[in-house]
């Protein structure tokens, strides 16, 4: 998992909502109905944007320093953190007993899916 931290500009709207812009990521825009929701939406937008760039093998722009971000009257800047998982598939060789392989085939299961599910469950328990 890779951590990214970017400054986001929060623009308060007349209805109490916030529009969120990332100066370093043109087109990455979100909105939240309240401050708490805006922070949540800002993190979700950043995570998805970086994930998209990663999946498309596009360069990820460097984040500006907080002090270098310009704002207009009423706006403020906040740092937003996103953890992006690398979801690319990798091949691993696994050994299982023959009888188990036969049962997997009989049941019509995907060994890869079963292993992924078991690992997710095990890793979330730690």
C-alpha atoms as a PDB file:
ATOM      1  CA  UNK A   1       0.000   0.000   0.000  1.00  0.00           C
ATOM      2  CA  UNK A   2       1.307   3.438  -0.900  1.00  0.00           C
ATOM      3  CA  UNK A   3       0.456   6.599   1.017  1.00  0.00           C
ATOM      4  CA  UNK A   4      -0.229   9.888  -0.772  1.00  0.00           C
ATOM      5  CA  UNK A   5      -0.818  13.273   0.868  1.00  0.00           C
ATOM      6  CA  UNK A   6      -2.102  16.223  -1.159  1.00  0.00           C
ATOM      7  CA  UNK A   7      -3.378  19.680  -0.273  1.00  0.00           C
ATOM      8  CA  UNK A   8      -7.049  20.182  -1.053  1.00  0.00           C
ATOM      9  CA  UNK A   9      -8.826  23.524  -1.323  1.00  0.00           C
ATOM     10  CA  UNK A  10     -12.190  23.588   0.429  1.00  0.00           C
ATOM     11  CA  UNK A  11     -14.670  26.150  -0.881  1.00  0.00           C
ATOM     12  CA  UNK A  12     -17.679  26.710   1.422  1.00  0.00           C
ATOM     13  CA  UNK A  13     -20.981  27.024  -0.439  1.00  0.00           C
ATOM     14  CA  UNK A  14     -24.012  29.077   0.595  1.00  0.00           C
ATOM     15  CA  UNK A  15     -25.998  25.930   1.493  1.00  0.00           C
ATOM     16  CA  UNK A  16     -23.364  24.735   3.999  1.00  0.00           C
ATOM     17  CA  UNK A  17     -21.789  22.245   1.625  1.00  0.00           C
ATOM     18  CA  UNK A  18     -18.170  22.304   0.441  1.00  0.00           C
ATOM     19  CA  UNK A  19     -16.614  21.964  -2.981  1.00  0.00           C
ATOM     20  CA  UNK A  20     -13.178  20.346  -2.870  1.00  0.00           C
ATOM     21  CA  UNK A  21     -10.469  20.890  -5.486  1.00  0.00           C
ATOM     22  CA  UNK A  22      -6.961  19.462  -5.761  1.00  0.00           C
ATOM     23  CA  UNK A  23      -4.655  22.061  -7.369  1.00  0.00           C
ATOM     24  CA  UNK A  24      -2.074  19.373  -8.240  1.00  0.00           C
ATOM     25  CA  UNK A  25      -4.650  17.031  -9.792  1.00  0.00           C
ATOM     26  CA  UNK A  26      -6.627  18.959 -12.422  1.00  0.00           C
ATOM     27  CA  UNK A  27     -10.111  17.534 -12.748  1.00  0.00           C
ATOM     28  CA  UNK A  28     -10.106  15.881  -9.318  1.00  0.00           C
ATOM     29  CA  UNK A  29     -13.132  17.557  -7.742  1.00  0.00           C
ATOM     30  CA  UNK A  30     -15.544  16.448  -5.055  1.00  0.00           C
ATOM     31  CA  UNK A  31     -18.247  17.842  -2.835  1.00  0.00           C
ATOM     32  CA  UNK A  32     -19.488  17.217   0.689  1.00  0.00           C
ATOM     33  CA  UNK A  33     -22.744  18.167   2.376  1.00  0.00           C
ATOM     34  CA  UNK A  34     -21.047  18.928   5.706  1.00  0.00           C
ATOM     35  CA  UNK A  35     -17.470  19.327   6.921  1.00  0.00           C
ATOM     36  CA  UNK A  36     -17.291  15.684   8.019  1.00  0.00           C
ATOM     37  CA  UNK A  37     -18.786  14.483   4.765  1.00  0.00           C
ATOM     38  CA  UNK A  38     -16.484  16.799   2.775  1.00  0.00           C
ATOM     39  CA  UNK A  39     -13.395  15.307   4.462  1.00  0.00           C
ATOM     40  CA  UNK A  40     -14.653  11.806   3.705  1.00  0.00           C
ATOM     41  CA  UNK A  41     -15.439  12.704   0.087  1.00  0.00           C
ATOM     42  CA  UNK A  42     -12.061  14.430  -0.329  1.00  0.00           C
ATOM     43  CA  UNK A  43     -10.249  11.263   0.740  1.00  0.00           C
ATOM     44  CA  UNK A  44     -12.422   9.065  -1.483  1.00  0.00           C
ATOM     45  CA  UNK A  45     -11.831  11.314  -4.505  1.00  0.00           C
ATOM     46  CA  UNK A  46      -8.066  11.390  -3.932  1.00  0.00           C
ATOM     47  CA  UNK A  47      -7.881   7.608  -3.482  1.00  0.00           C
ATOM     48  CA  UNK A  48      -9.870   6.968  -6.667  1.00  0.00           C
ATOM     49  CA  UNK A  49      -7.917   9.544  -8.687  1.00  0.00           C
ATOM     50  CA  UNK A  50      -4.511   8.160  -7.687  1.00  0.00           C
ATOM     51  CA  UNK A  51      -5.798   4.609  -8.198  1.00  0.00           C
ATOM     52  CA  UNK A  52      -6.912   5.531 -11.719  1.00  0.00           C
ATOM     53  CA  UNK A  53      -3.540   7.093 -12.551  1.00  0.00           C
ATOM     54  CA  UNK A  54      -1.783   4.004 -11.193  1.00  0.00           C
ATOM     55  CA  UNK A  55      -3.977   1.601 -13.174  1.00  0.00           C
ATOM     56  CA  UNK A  56      -3.359   3.559 -16.388  1.00  0.00           C
ATOM     57  CA  UNK A  57       0.410   3.801 -15.676  1.00  0.00           C
ATOM     58  CA  UNK A  58       0.137   7.591 -15.823  1.00  0.00           C
ATOM     59  CA  UNK A  59       2.610   9.767 -13.912  1.00  0.00           C
ATOM     60  CA  UNK A  60       1.450  10.890 -10.487  1.00  0.00           C
ATOM     61  CA  UNK A  61       2.138  14.614 -10.005  1.00  0.00           C
ATOM     62  CA  UNK A  62       4.102  15.766  -6.984  1.00  0.00           C
ATOM     63  CA  UNK A  63       2.072  17.380  -4.212  1.00  0.00           C
ATOM     64  CA  UNK A  64       2.500  21.098  -3.609  1.00  0.00           C
ATOM     65  CA  UNK A  65       3.664  22.405  -0.274  1.00  0.00           C
ATOM     66  CA  UNK A  66       0.747  23.579   1.846  1.00  0.00           C
ATOM     67  CA  UNK A  67       2.133  27.125   1.989  1.00  0.00           C
ATOM     68  CA  UNK A  68       2.261  27.338  -1.827  1.00  0.00           C
ATOM     69  CA  UNK A  69      -1.449  26.687  -2.387  1.00  0.00           C
ATOM     70  CA  UNK A  70      -3.402  29.830  -3.223  1.00  0.00           C
ATOM     71  CA  UNK A  71      -6.953  30.331  -2.017  1.00  0.00           C
ATOM     72  CA  UNK A  72      -9.706  32.852  -2.540  1.00  0.00           C
ATOM     73  CA  UNK A  73     -11.645  34.604   0.216  1.00  0.00           C
ATOM     74  CA  UNK A  74     -13.426  32.123   2.483  1.00  0.00           C
ATOM     75  CA  UNK A  75     -11.541  29.082   1.196  1.00  0.00           C
ATOM     76  CA  UNK A  76      -9.088  27.039   3.229  1.00  0.00           C
ATOM     77  CA  UNK A  77      -6.539  24.326   2.527  1.00  0.00           C
ATOM     78  CA  UNK A  78      -6.341  20.980   4.276  1.00  0.00           C
ATOM     79  CA  UNK A  79      -4.019  18.041   3.728  1.00  0.00           C
ATOM     80  CA  UNK A  80      -5.777  14.855   2.641  1.00  0.00           C
ATOM     81  CA  UNK A  81      -4.220  11.399   2.940  1.00  0.00           C
ATOM     82  CA  UNK A  82      -5.014   8.412   0.756  1.00  0.00           C
ATOM     83  CA  UNK A  83      -3.723   4.848   0.919  1.00  0.00           C
ATOM     84  CA  UNK A  84      -3.760   3.238  -2.502  1.00  0.00           C
ATOM     85  CA  UNK A  85      -3.500  -0.519  -2.884  1.00  0.00           C
ATOM     86  CA  UNK A  86      -1.749  -2.024  -5.869  1.00  0.00           C
ATOM     87  CA  UNK A  87      -4.407  -4.402  -7.226  1.00  0.00           C
ATOM     88  CA  UNK A  88      -2.388  -5.792 -10.102  1.00  0.00           C
ATOM     89  CA  UNK A  89      -2.507  -9.584 -10.274  1.00  0.00           C
ATOM     90  CA  UNK A  90       0.699 -11.497  -9.604  1.00  0.00           C
ATOM     91  CA  UNK A  91       1.366 -15.157 -10.281  1.00  0.00           C
ATOM     92  CA  UNK A  92       2.398 -17.355  -7.365  1.00  0.00           C
ATOM     93  CA  UNK A  93       3.010 -21.053  -7.348  1.00  0.00           C
ATOM     94  CA  UNK A  94       1.060 -22.843  -4.652  1.00  0.00           C
ATOM     95  CA  UNK A  95       1.136 -26.482  -3.693  1.00  0.00           C
ATOM     96  CA  UNK A  96      -1.913 -28.307  -2.397  1.00  0.00           C
ATOM     97  CA  UNK A  97      -2.600 -32.011  -1.919  1.00  0.00           C
ATOM     98  CA  UNK A  98      -3.992 -33.863  -4.947  1.00  0.00           C
ATOM     99  CA  UNK A  99      -7.208 -34.792  -3.142  1.00  0.00           C
ATOM    100  CA  UNK A 100      -7.822 -31.095  -2.401  1.00  0.00           C
ATOM    101  CA  UNK A 101      -7.246 -30.138  -6.036  1.00  0.00           C
ATOM    102  CA  UNK A 102      -9.731 -32.840  -7.088  1.00  0.00           C
ATOM    103  CA  UNK A 103     -12.359 -31.468  -4.671  1.00  0.00           C
ATOM    104  CA  UNK A 104     -11.792 -27.898  -5.940  1.00  0.00           C
ATOM    105  CA  UNK A 105     -12.318 -29.080  -9.515  1.00  0.00           C
ATOM    106  CA  UNK A 106     -15.435 -31.105  -8.577  1.00  0.00           C
ATOM    107  CA  UNK A 107     -16.916 -28.113  -6.773  1.00  0.00           C
ATOM    108  CA  UNK A 108     -16.218 -25.814  -9.728  1.00  0.00           C
ATOM    109  CA  UNK A 109     -14.320 -23.411  -7.495  1.00  0.00           C
ATOM    110  CA  UNK A 110     -11.674 -20.947  -8.548  1.00  0.00           C
ATOM    111  CA  UNK A 111      -8.587 -21.730  -6.508  1.00  0.00           C
ATOM    112  CA  UNK A 112      -7.373 -18.154  -6.978  1.00  0.00           C
ATOM    113  CA  UNK A 113     -10.655 -16.718  -5.635  1.00  0.00           C
ATOM    114  CA  UNK A 114     -10.719 -19.088  -2.642  1.00  0.00           C
ATOM    115  CA  UNK A 115      -7.115 -18.206  -1.784  1.00  0.00           C
ATOM    116  CA  UNK A 116      -7.772 -14.463  -2.123  1.00  0.00           C
ATOM    117  CA  UNK A 117     -10.865 -14.670   0.083  1.00  0.00           C
ATOM    118  CA  UNK A 118      -9.023 -16.696   2.732  1.00  0.00           C
ATOM    119  CA  UNK A 119      -6.082 -14.290   2.713  1.00  0.00           C
ATOM    120  CA  UNK A 120      -8.342 -11.236   2.997  1.00  0.00           C
ATOM    121  CA  UNK A 121     -10.087 -12.808   5.977  1.00  0.00           C
ATOM    122  CA  UNK A 122      -6.807 -13.810   7.633  1.00  0.00           C
ATOM    123  CA  UNK A 123      -5.100 -10.463   7.014  1.00  0.00           C
ATOM    124  CA  UNK A 124      -8.039  -8.406   8.290  1.00  0.00           C
ATOM    125  CA  UNK A 125      -8.038 -10.455  11.505  1.00  0.00           C
ATOM    126  CA  UNK A 126      -4.456  -9.416  12.314  1.00  0.00           C
END
